[in-house]
């Protein structure tokens, strides 16, 4: 999925978390921006994104 998103122009990264892998797109300005990206990804069947969520980054 990371490669498909990168090929579509998204700066996707893969992160190991709790024994699983997550694909993330970071550096979005607002939660609203993140939610809009999630909706666009889910609407594009070719990308294979069936679920996603917008979350605030923790440092």
N, C-alpha and C. Protein backbone atom coordinates (compact mmCIF):
# COMPACT_ATOMS: atom_id res chain seq x y z
N UNK A 1 0.82 -1.18 0.00
CA UNK A 1 0.00 0.00 0.00
C UNK A 1 0.87 1.26 0.00
N UNK A 2 1.96 1.21 0.78
CA UNK A 2 2.85 2.38 0.80
C UNK A 2 3.33 2.72 -0.60
N UNK A 3 3.74 1.72 -1.35
CA UNK A 3 4.25 1.95 -2.70
C UNK A 3 3.16 2.49 -3.61
N UNK A 4 1.95 1.96 -3.51
CA UNK A 4 0.84 2.46 -4.34
C UNK A 4 0.57 3.93 -4.03
N UNK A 5 0.57 4.28 -2.75
CA UNK A 5 0.33 5.67 -2.38
C UNK A 5 1.46 6.58 -2.84
N UNK A 6 2.69 6.12 -2.68
CA UNK A 6 3.83 6.92 -3.15
C UNK A 6 3.76 7.12 -4.66
N UNK A 7 3.42 6.08 -5.39
CA UNK A 7 3.31 6.19 -6.84
C UNK A 7 2.20 7.15 -7.26
N UNK A 8 1.20 7.31 -6.39
CA UNK A 8 0.11 8.25 -6.65
C UNK A 8 0.45 9.67 -6.19
N UNK A 9 1.66 9.85 -5.64
CA UNK A 9 2.10 11.18 -5.26
C UNK A 9 1.97 11.53 -3.79
N UNK A 10 1.56 10.57 -2.97
CA UNK A 10 1.44 10.82 -1.54
C UNK A 10 2.74 10.46 -0.83
N UNK A 11 3.17 11.25 0.15
CA UNK A 11 4.41 10.96 0.88
C UNK A 11 4.18 9.91 1.98
N UNK A 12 3.80 8.73 1.58
CA UNK A 12 3.44 7.67 2.53
C UNK A 12 4.69 7.05 3.15
N UNK A 13 4.56 6.71 4.43
CA UNK A 13 5.63 6.04 5.18
C UNK A 13 5.03 4.83 5.88
N UNK A 14 5.84 3.82 6.10
CA UNK A 14 5.38 2.65 6.85
C UNK A 14 6.05 2.67 8.22
N UNK A 15 5.25 2.43 9.26
CA UNK A 15 5.73 2.48 10.64
C UNK A 15 5.27 1.22 11.36
N UNK A 16 6.16 0.60 12.12
CA UNK A 16 5.79 -0.55 12.95
C UNK A 16 5.19 -0.02 14.25
N UNK A 17 4.04 -0.56 14.62
CA UNK A 17 3.38 -0.12 15.85
C UNK A 17 2.60 -1.29 16.44
N UNK A 18 2.88 -1.60 17.68
CA UNK A 18 2.16 -2.66 18.39
C UNK A 18 2.14 -3.97 17.62
N UNK A 19 3.25 -4.33 17.03
CA UNK A 19 3.35 -5.59 16.31
C UNK A 19 2.69 -5.59 14.95
N UNK A 20 2.24 -4.44 14.50
CA UNK A 20 1.61 -4.32 13.18
C UNK A 20 2.34 -3.23 12.40
N UNK A 21 1.99 -3.09 11.15
CA UNK A 21 2.55 -2.03 10.33
C UNK A 21 1.42 -1.09 9.92
N UNK A 22 1.71 0.20 10.01
CA UNK A 22 0.77 1.22 9.58
C UNK A 22 1.39 2.00 8.44
N UNK A 23 0.57 2.39 7.50
CA UNK A 23 1.00 3.30 6.44
C UNK A 23 0.46 4.67 6.82
N UNK A 24 1.36 5.65 6.86
CA UNK A 24 0.98 7.00 7.30
C UNK A 24 1.35 8.03 6.25
N UNK A 25 0.56 9.09 6.25
CA UNK A 25 0.87 10.29 5.48
C UNK A 25 0.93 11.41 6.51
N UNK A 26 2.12 11.89 6.75
CA UNK A 26 2.34 12.90 7.78
C UNK A 26 2.43 14.30 7.18
N UNK A 27 2.62 15.27 8.06
CA UNK A 27 2.88 16.66 7.68
C UNK A 27 1.68 17.38 7.08
N UNK A 28 0.47 16.95 7.42
CA UNK A 28 -0.72 17.68 6.97
C UNK A 28 -0.99 18.80 7.96
N UNK A 29 -1.48 19.93 7.47
CA UNK A 29 -1.59 21.13 8.30
C UNK A 29 -2.66 21.02 9.38
N UNK A 30 -3.81 20.44 9.04
CA UNK A 30 -4.92 20.40 10.00
C UNK A 30 -5.58 19.02 9.97
N UNK A 31 -6.38 18.77 11.00
CA UNK A 31 -7.16 17.54 11.04
C UNK A 31 -8.12 17.49 9.84
N UNK A 32 -8.67 18.64 9.48
CA UNK A 32 -9.59 18.69 8.34
C UNK A 32 -8.88 18.28 7.05
N UNK A 33 -7.63 18.73 6.88
CA UNK A 33 -6.85 18.31 5.72
C UNK A 33 -6.67 16.80 5.72
N UNK A 34 -6.34 16.25 6.88
CA UNK A 34 -6.13 14.81 7.00
C UNK A 34 -7.40 14.04 6.68
N UNK A 35 -8.53 14.51 7.20
CA UNK A 35 -9.80 13.84 6.93
C UNK A 35 -10.15 13.89 5.44
N UNK A 36 -9.85 15.01 4.78
CA UNK A 36 -10.10 15.11 3.35
C UNK A 36 -9.23 14.13 2.56
N UNK A 37 -7.98 13.98 2.97
CA UNK A 37 -7.09 13.03 2.30
C UNK A 37 -7.62 11.61 2.48
N UNK A 38 -8.04 11.26 3.69
CA UNK A 38 -8.60 9.92 3.93
C UNK A 38 -9.78 9.67 3.01
N UNK A 39 -10.66 10.64 2.88
CA UNK A 39 -11.83 10.46 2.01
C UNK A 39 -11.42 10.28 0.55
N UNK A 40 -10.44 11.06 0.08
CA UNK A 40 -9.97 10.91 -1.30
C UNK A 40 -9.35 9.54 -1.53
N UNK A 41 -8.57 9.07 -0.55
CA UNK A 41 -7.94 7.76 -0.68
C UNK A 41 -8.98 6.66 -0.74
N UNK A 42 -9.97 6.72 0.13
CA UNK A 42 -11.01 5.69 0.16
C UNK A 42 -11.87 5.72 -1.10
N UNK A 43 -12.02 6.89 -1.71
CA UNK A 43 -12.84 7.01 -2.93
C UNK A 43 -12.12 6.48 -4.17
N UNK A 44 -10.80 6.34 -4.10
CA UNK A 44 -10.02 5.87 -5.25
C UNK A 44 -9.76 4.37 -5.09
N UNK A 45 -10.61 3.55 -5.68
CA UNK A 45 -10.53 2.09 -5.52
C UNK A 45 -9.18 1.54 -5.98
N UNK A 46 -8.54 2.17 -6.94
CA UNK A 46 -7.26 1.68 -7.46
C UNK A 46 -6.17 1.69 -6.40
N UNK A 47 -6.30 2.53 -5.38
CA UNK A 47 -5.29 2.60 -4.33
C UNK A 47 -5.45 1.49 -3.29
N UNK A 48 -6.63 0.91 -3.20
CA UNK A 48 -6.85 -0.20 -2.27
C UNK A 48 -6.97 0.20 -0.82
N UNK A 49 -7.36 1.44 -0.56
CA UNK A 49 -7.52 1.91 0.82
C UNK A 49 -8.98 1.72 1.21
N UNK A 50 -9.24 0.75 2.07
CA UNK A 50 -10.62 0.48 2.47
C UNK A 50 -10.94 1.10 3.83
N UNK A 51 -9.92 1.43 4.59
CA UNK A 51 -10.14 2.04 5.91
C UNK A 51 -9.01 3.03 6.15
N UNK A 52 -9.28 3.98 6.98
CA UNK A 52 -8.26 4.95 7.35
C UNK A 52 -8.83 5.87 8.40
N UNK A 53 -7.93 6.62 9.02
CA UNK A 53 -8.38 7.57 10.03
C UNK A 53 -7.41 8.73 10.08
N UNK A 54 -7.93 9.86 10.52
CA UNK A 54 -7.10 11.03 10.74
C UNK A 54 -6.76 11.07 12.22
N UNK A 55 -5.49 11.20 12.53
CA UNK A 55 -5.06 11.23 13.92
C UNK A 55 -4.01 12.32 14.11
N UNK A 56 -4.01 12.90 15.27
CA UNK A 56 -3.00 13.90 15.59
C UNK A 56 -1.70 13.19 15.93
N UNK A 57 -0.62 13.74 15.46
CA UNK A 57 0.70 13.16 15.74
C UNK A 57 1.08 13.44 17.18
N UNK A 58 1.75 12.49 17.77
CA UNK A 58 2.29 12.69 19.11
C UNK A 58 3.80 12.66 19.02
N UNK A 59 4.44 13.44 19.79
CA UNK A 59 5.91 13.48 19.75
C UNK A 59 6.46 13.09 21.07
